């Protein structure tokens, strides 16, 4: 999973230059890529990016129809994020996405179509020391509280184990994805 972070909104203007590694990677191994963009303040890295984290899980979230974007963003950043942090996440990032568009990643030879039923509105990247530590984190009181009220804001939560999460840009400096 590649993540791109810009130090400022103005830094995003140089996106094509910084996205070269991502574009080349997409062309090598992927038939279909679903790129998502966040607006200013749409991504929050609680403890930065800890490369030493032993296990990562990524949650992909769908917003319930009728829930406002503002309410959804608050739930992701101000409810899910702090609860996971309090439960002991070592590395935590929350993202809320702008409305989907096929023009985010114009990679040649790669499909970027994204049917409505497959669209996500946010993601949460959770890091823990090990799979066992992740299991303990997910059994915590804090996570139980999120599970108890998630149906008011979310229609789906998909969880995936990610072997490696690669930052392409950290505070404006390019970084390889190898």
Foldseek 3Di string as FASTA:
>chain_A
DEDEDELDPVLCVCVVVLCVQVLVVCQPDHQADADFDADVVQKDKPQADDQQFAWKKKKFFAWDPPDDPVNLSCCQVVQVQVLLVVLPFPTKMKGFTDPGDQPPDPRPNHHHDADPVRDTGMMMMTTHNYPVSVVSSCPDPSVVVCVVPVVVTTDDMDMDIDRDYHYQDDHNDGDHDD
